[in-house]
Amino acid sequence: MSIAQVHVKILEKEFQLGCSPEERGDLLDSVELLNSKMREIRDSGKVTGIDKIAILAALNLANELIQSRGKGQALESDAMKQVQQIREQVETALQSNQQLKL
């Protein structure tokens, strides 16, 4: 697997990162998201210092990830309940139909 060097800029600071060619698009999307979050925090004027800005951006992104995982799990649980209800309805209908045939 070959590693490509990708040059990116986060808060006007340049970085050289390595990734596979297949992951390049995802890396650039991640950099843009992080850069956007960091600019938002910096521009609020409430936090100074690149380290603090980076930590707050990382915490915000981690929180969003945890929230979206929770929503995904809730949706999965709801879907499983609906599937179970449909299954029970089908089984009830099949049993009723079998009783009629006897």
N, C-alpha and C. Protein backbone atom coordinates (compact mmCIF):
# COMPACT_ATOMS: atom_id res chain seq x y z
N MET A 1 0.84 -1.18 0.00
CA MET A 1 0.00 0.00 0.00
C MET A 1 0.89 1.24 0.00
N SER A 2 0.63 2.14 -0.93
CA SER A 2 1.45 3.34 -1.02
C SER A 2 0.86 4.44 -0.13
N ILE A 3 1.75 5.27 0.37
CA ILE A 3 1.34 6.38 1.22
C ILE A 3 1.61 7.67 0.44
N ALA A 4 0.59 8.50 0.34
CA ALA A 4 0.72 9.78 -0.34
C ALA A 4 0.87 10.88 0.70
N GLN A 5 1.68 11.86 0.38
CA GLN A 5 1.84 13.02 1.25
C GLN A 5 0.80 14.06 0.86
N VAL A 6 0.08 14.54 1.85
CA VAL A 6 -0.96 15.53 1.62
C VAL A 6 -0.63 16.77 2.43
N HIS A 7 -0.60 17.92 1.78
CA HIS A 7 -0.33 19.18 2.46
C HIS A 7 -1.67 19.84 2.77
N VAL A 8 -1.86 20.18 4.05
CA VAL A 8 -3.10 20.82 4.47
C VAL A 8 -2.77 22.03 5.33
N LYS A 9 -3.78 22.89 5.50
CA LYS A 9 -3.62 24.09 6.33
C LYS A 9 -4.77 24.11 7.33
N ILE A 10 -4.40 24.21 8.61
CA ILE A 10 -5.38 24.31 9.69
C ILE A 10 -5.05 25.56 10.49
N LEU A 11 -5.99 26.49 10.54
CA LEU A 11 -5.79 27.79 11.18
C LEU A 11 -4.47 28.43 10.74
N GLU A 12 -4.30 28.52 9.44
CA GLU A 12 -3.15 29.17 8.81
C GLU A 12 -1.81 28.50 9.12
N LYS A 13 -1.85 27.31 9.67
CA LYS A 13 -0.62 26.56 9.92
C LYS A 13 -0.61 25.35 9.00
N GLU A 14 0.50 25.14 8.31
CA GLU A 14 0.59 24.06 7.33
C GLU A 14 1.09 22.77 7.97
N PHE A 15 0.51 21.67 7.50
CA PHE A 15 0.88 20.34 7.96
C PHE A 15 1.05 19.43 6.76
N GLN A 16 1.97 18.49 6.89
CA GLN A 16 2.15 17.47 5.88
C GLN A 16 1.75 16.14 6.51
N LEU A 17 0.73 15.51 5.93
CA LEU A 17 0.18 14.28 6.47
C LEU A 17 0.32 13.16 5.45
N GLY A 18 0.40 11.94 5.95
CA GLY A 18 0.48 10.80 5.06
C GLY A 18 -0.79 9.97 5.14
N CYS A 19 -1.26 9.51 3.99
CA CYS A 19 -2.41 8.62 3.95
C CYS A 19 -2.41 7.87 2.63
N SER A 20 -3.21 6.82 2.58
CA SER A 20 -3.32 6.08 1.33
C SER A 20 -4.11 6.92 0.33
N PRO A 21 -3.89 6.72 -0.95
CA PRO A 21 -4.63 7.49 -1.95
C PRO A 21 -6.15 7.33 -1.81
N GLU A 22 -6.61 6.17 -1.35
CA GLU A 22 -8.04 5.93 -1.19
C GLU A 22 -8.62 6.77 -0.06
N GLU A 23 -7.80 7.11 0.93
CA GLU A 23 -8.27 7.85 2.10
C GLU A 23 -8.11 9.37 1.95
N ARG A 24 -7.53 9.82 0.86
CA ARG A 24 -7.23 11.24 0.67
C ARG A 24 -8.48 12.11 0.79
N GLY A 25 -9.55 11.74 0.14
CA GLY A 25 -10.78 12.54 0.18
C GLY A 25 -11.33 12.66 1.59
N ASP A 26 -11.35 11.54 2.31
CA ASP A 26 -11.83 11.55 3.70
C ASP A 26 -10.93 12.42 4.58
N LEU A 27 -9.63 12.34 4.34
CA LEU A 27 -8.69 13.17 5.12
C LEU A 27 -8.96 14.64 4.87
N LEU A 28 -9.12 15.02 3.62
CA LEU A 28 -9.37 16.43 3.31
C LEU A 28 -10.70 16.90 3.89
N ASP A 29 -11.71 16.05 3.86
CA ASP A 29 -13.00 16.40 4.48
C ASP A 29 -12.83 16.58 5.98
N SER A 30 -12.05 15.70 6.61
CA SER A 30 -11.81 15.80 8.06
C SER A 30 -11.06 17.07 8.40
N VAL A 31 -10.07 17.41 7.60
CA VAL A 31 -9.31 18.64 7.83
C VAL A 31 -10.22 19.86 7.71
N GLU A 32 -11.07 19.86 6.70
CA GLU A 32 -11.99 21.00 6.52
C GLU A 32 -12.95 21.13 7.69
N LEU A 33 -13.48 20.01 8.18
CA LEU A 33 -14.38 20.03 9.33
C LEU A 33 -13.65 20.55 10.57
N LEU A 34 -12.47 20.03 10.84
CA LEU A 34 -11.69 20.48 11.99
C LEU A 34 -11.34 21.95 11.87
N ASN A 35 -10.90 22.36 10.71
CA ASN A 35 -10.52 23.75 10.48
C ASN A 35 -11.72 24.67 10.71
N SER A 36 -12.87 24.26 10.23
CA SER A 36 -14.08 25.04 10.41
C SER A 36 -14.44 25.19 11.89
N LYS A 37 -14.38 24.07 12.63
CA LYS A 37 -14.68 24.12 14.07
C LYS A 37 -13.68 25.02 14.81
N MET A 38 -12.42 24.91 14.45
CA MET A 38 -11.39 25.70 15.13
C MET A 38 -11.56 27.19 14.81
N ARG A 39 -11.89 27.52 13.56
CA ARG A 39 -12.13 28.93 13.20
C ARG A 39 -13.33 29.48 13.96
N GLU A 40 -14.38 28.67 14.07
CA GLU A 40 -15.58 29.08 14.80
C GLU A 40 -15.25 29.41 16.25
N ILE A 41 -14.46 28.57 16.90
CA ILE A 41 -14.07 28.79 18.29
C ILE A 41 -13.16 30.02 18.40
N ARG A 42 -12.20 30.12 17.50
CA ARG A 42 -11.27 31.28 17.52
C ARG A 42 -12.03 32.58 17.31
N ASP A 43 -12.95 32.56 16.34
CA ASP A 43 -13.68 33.79 15.99
C ASP A 43 -14.67 34.22 17.06
N SER A 44 -15.04 33.29 17.95
CA SER A 44 -15.95 33.67 19.04
C SER A 44 -15.25 34.62 20.01
N GLY A 45 -13.93 34.58 20.04
CA GLY A 45 -13.16 35.47 20.90
C GLY A 45 -13.12 35.04 22.36
N LYS A 46 -13.76 33.93 22.67
CA LYS A 46 -13.82 33.49 24.07
C LYS A 46 -12.61 32.65 24.47
N VAL A 47 -11.93 32.09 23.47
CA VAL A 47 -10.80 31.21 23.75
C VAL A 47 -9.60 31.69 22.96
N THR A 48 -8.47 31.75 23.64
CA THR A 48 -7.24 32.11 22.95
C THR A 48 -6.24 30.98 23.12
N GLY A 49 -5.34 30.91 22.24
CA GLY A 49 -4.32 29.87 22.28
C GLY A 49 -4.71 28.70 21.41
N ILE A 50 -3.83 28.35 20.50
CA ILE A 50 -4.12 27.29 19.53
C ILE A 50 -4.38 25.95 20.21
N ASP A 51 -3.68 25.67 21.30
CA ASP A 51 -3.88 24.40 22.01
C ASP A 51 -5.28 24.30 22.58
N LYS A 52 -5.74 25.36 23.23
CA LYS A 52 -7.09 25.36 23.80
C LYS A 52 -8.15 25.27 22.72
N ILE A 53 -7.93 25.99 21.62
CA ILE A 53 -8.87 25.95 20.50
C ILE A 53 -8.95 24.54 19.95
N ALA A 54 -7.80 23.89 19.77
CA ALA A 54 -7.77 22.53 19.23
C ALA A 54 -8.48 21.55 20.17
N ILE A 55 -8.25 21.69 21.46
CA ILE A 55 -8.89 20.78 22.43
C ILE A 55 -10.39 20.98 22.44
N LEU A 56 -10.84 22.23 22.43
CA LEU A 56 -12.28 22.49 22.40
C LEU A 56 -12.92 21.97 21.12
N ALA A 57 -12.24 22.15 20.00
CA ALA A 57 -12.77 21.64 18.72
C ALA A 57 -12.87 20.12 18.77
N ALA A 58 -11.84 19.47 19.29
CA ALA A 58 -11.86 18.00 19.41
C ALA A 58 -12.99 17.54 20.33
N LEU A 59 -13.18 18.23 21.44
CA LEU A 59 -14.26 17.87 22.36
C LEU A 59 -15.63 18.08 21.72
N ASN A 60 -15.80 19.17 20.99
CA ASN A 60 -17.06 19.42 20.29
C ASN A 60 -17.35 18.32 19.26
N LEU A 61 -16.33 17.94 18.49
CA LEU A 61 -16.51 16.90 17.49
C LEU A 61 -16.79 15.54 18.14
N ALA A 62 -16.10 15.25 19.24
CA ALA A 62 -16.34 13.99 19.95
C ALA A 62 -17.76 13.96 20.50
N ASN A 63 -18.23 15.08 21.03
CA ASN A 63 -19.59 15.16 21.56
C ASN A 63 -20.61 14.94 20.44
N GLU A 64 -20.40 15.56 19.29
CA GLU A 64 -21.30 15.36 18.15
C GLU A 64 -21.32 13.89 17.72
N LEU A 65 -20.16 13.25 17.73
CA LEU A 65 -20.08 11.84 17.36
C LEU A 65 -20.86 10.97 18.34
N ILE A 66 -20.68 11.23 19.63
CA ILE A 66 -21.40 10.46 20.65
C ILE A 66 -22.90 10.66 20.52
N GLN A 67 -23.33 11.89 20.28
CA GLN A 67 -24.76 12.16 20.12
C GLN A 67 -25.32 11.45 18.89
N SER A 68 -24.57 11.46 17.80
CA SER A 68 -25.07 10.80 16.58
C SER A 68 -25.09 9.29 16.75
N ARG A 69 -24.15 8.75 17.51
CA ARG A 69 -24.17 7.30 17.79
C ARG A 69 -25.42 6.96 18.61
N GLY A 70 -25.72 7.80 19.59
CA GLY A 70 -26.91 7.57 20.42
C GLY A 70 -28.18 7.61 19.59
N LYS A 71 -28.26 8.56 18.67
CA LYS A 71 -29.42 8.65 17.79
C LYS A 71 -29.51 7.43 16.89
N GLY A 72 -28.35 6.98 16.42
CA GLY A 72 -28.33 5.80 15.56
C GLY A 72 -28.78 4.56 16.31
N GLN A 73 -28.35 4.43 17.56
CA GLN A 73 -28.76 3.29 18.37
C GLN A 73 -30.26 3.34 18.66
N ALA A 74 -30.79 4.54 18.91
CA ALA A 74 -32.22 4.68 19.17
C ALA A 74 -33.02 4.31 17.93
N LEU A 75 -32.55 4.74 16.76
CA LEU A 75 -33.23 4.40 15.51
C LEU A 75 -33.20 2.89 15.27
N GLU A 76 -32.06 2.28 15.55
CA GLU A 76 -31.93 0.83 15.38
C GLU A 76 -32.87 0.10 16.31
N SER A 77 -32.97 0.56 17.54
CA SER A 77 -33.86 -0.06 18.52
C SER A 77 -35.31 0.06 18.07
N ASP A 78 -35.70 1.24 17.60
CA ASP A 78 -37.06 1.44 17.11
C ASP A 78 -37.35 0.54 15.91
N ALA A 79 -36.39 0.42 15.02
CA ALA A 79 -36.57 -0.43 13.84
C ALA A 79 -36.73 -1.89 14.25
N MET A 80 -35.94 -2.32 15.23
CA MET A 80 -36.05 -3.71 15.70
C MET A 80 -37.42 -3.97 16.33
N LYS A 81 -37.94 -3.00 17.07
CA LYS A 81 -39.27 -3.14 17.66
C LYS A 81 -40.33 -3.26 16.58
N GLN A 82 -40.21 -2.43 15.53
CA GLN A 82 -41.18 -2.47 14.44
C GLN A 82 -41.11 -3.81 13.70
N VAL A 83 -39.91 -4.30 13.47
CA VAL A 83 -39.74 -5.59 12.81
C VAL A 83 -40.38 -6.69 13.66
N GLN A 84 -40.16 -6.65 14.97
CA GLN A 84 -40.75 -7.63 15.88
C GLN A 84 -42.27 -7.58 15.83
N GLN A 85 -42.85 -6.39 15.82
CA GLN A 85 -44.30 -6.24 15.75
C GLN A 85 -44.85 -6.80 14.44
N ILE A 86 -44.18 -6.51 13.34
CA ILE A 86 -44.62 -7.02 12.04
C ILE A 86 -44.53 -8.54 12.02
N ARG A 87 -43.44 -9.05 12.56
CA ARG A 87 -43.26 -10.51 12.62
C ARG A 87 -44.39 -11.16 13.41
N GLU A 88 -44.73 -10.57 14.54
CA GLU A 88 -45.81 -11.11 15.37
C GLU A 88 -47.15 -11.05 14.63
N GLN A 89 -47.38 -9.96 13.90
CA GLN A 89 -48.61 -9.84 13.12
C GLN A 89 -48.68 -10.90 12.02
N VAL A 90 -47.56 -11.12 11.36
CA VAL A 90 -47.51 -12.13 10.29
C VAL A 90 -47.74 -13.52 10.88
N GLU A 91 -47.10 -13.81 12.01
CA GLU A 91 -47.28 -15.12 12.65
C GLU A 91 -48.73 -15.32 13.09
N THR A 92 -49.34 -14.26 13.64
CA THR A 92 -50.74 -14.35 14.05
C THR A 92 -51.64 -14.59 12.83
N ALA A 93 -51.37 -13.88 11.75
CA ALA A 93 -52.16 -14.06 10.54
C ALA A 93 -51.99 -15.46 9.98
N LEU A 94 -50.78 -15.97 9.99
CA LEU A 94 -50.53 -17.32 9.48
C LEU A 94 -51.22 -18.37 10.35
N GLN A 95 -51.18 -18.18 11.66
CA GLN A 95 -51.84 -19.12 12.56
C GLN A 95 -53.35 -19.09 12.36
N SER A 96 -53.92 -17.93 12.18
CA SER A 96 -55.36 -17.80 11.94
C SER A 96 -55.74 -18.50 10.64
N ASN A 97 -54.92 -18.33 9.62
CA ASN A 97 -55.17 -18.94 8.33
C ASN A 97 -55.07 -20.47 8.43
N GLN A 98 -54.12 -20.97 9.17
CA GLN A 98 -53.96 -22.41 9.34
C GLN A 98 -55.14 -22.99 10.09
N GLN A 99 -55.66 -22.26 11.08
CA GLN A 99 -56.81 -22.76 11.84
C GLN A 99 -58.05 -22.84 10.96
N LEU A 100 -58.19 -21.93 10.02
CA LEU A 100 -59.34 -21.94 9.12
C LEU A 100 -59.28 -23.15 8.18
N LYS A 101 -58.09 -23.54 7.78
CA LYS A 101 -57.94 -24.67 6.85
C LYS A 101 -58.26 -25.99 7.52
N LEU A 102 -58.08 -26.10 8.81
CA LEU A 102 -58.33 -27.36 9.51
C LEU A 102 -59.80 -27.59 9.52
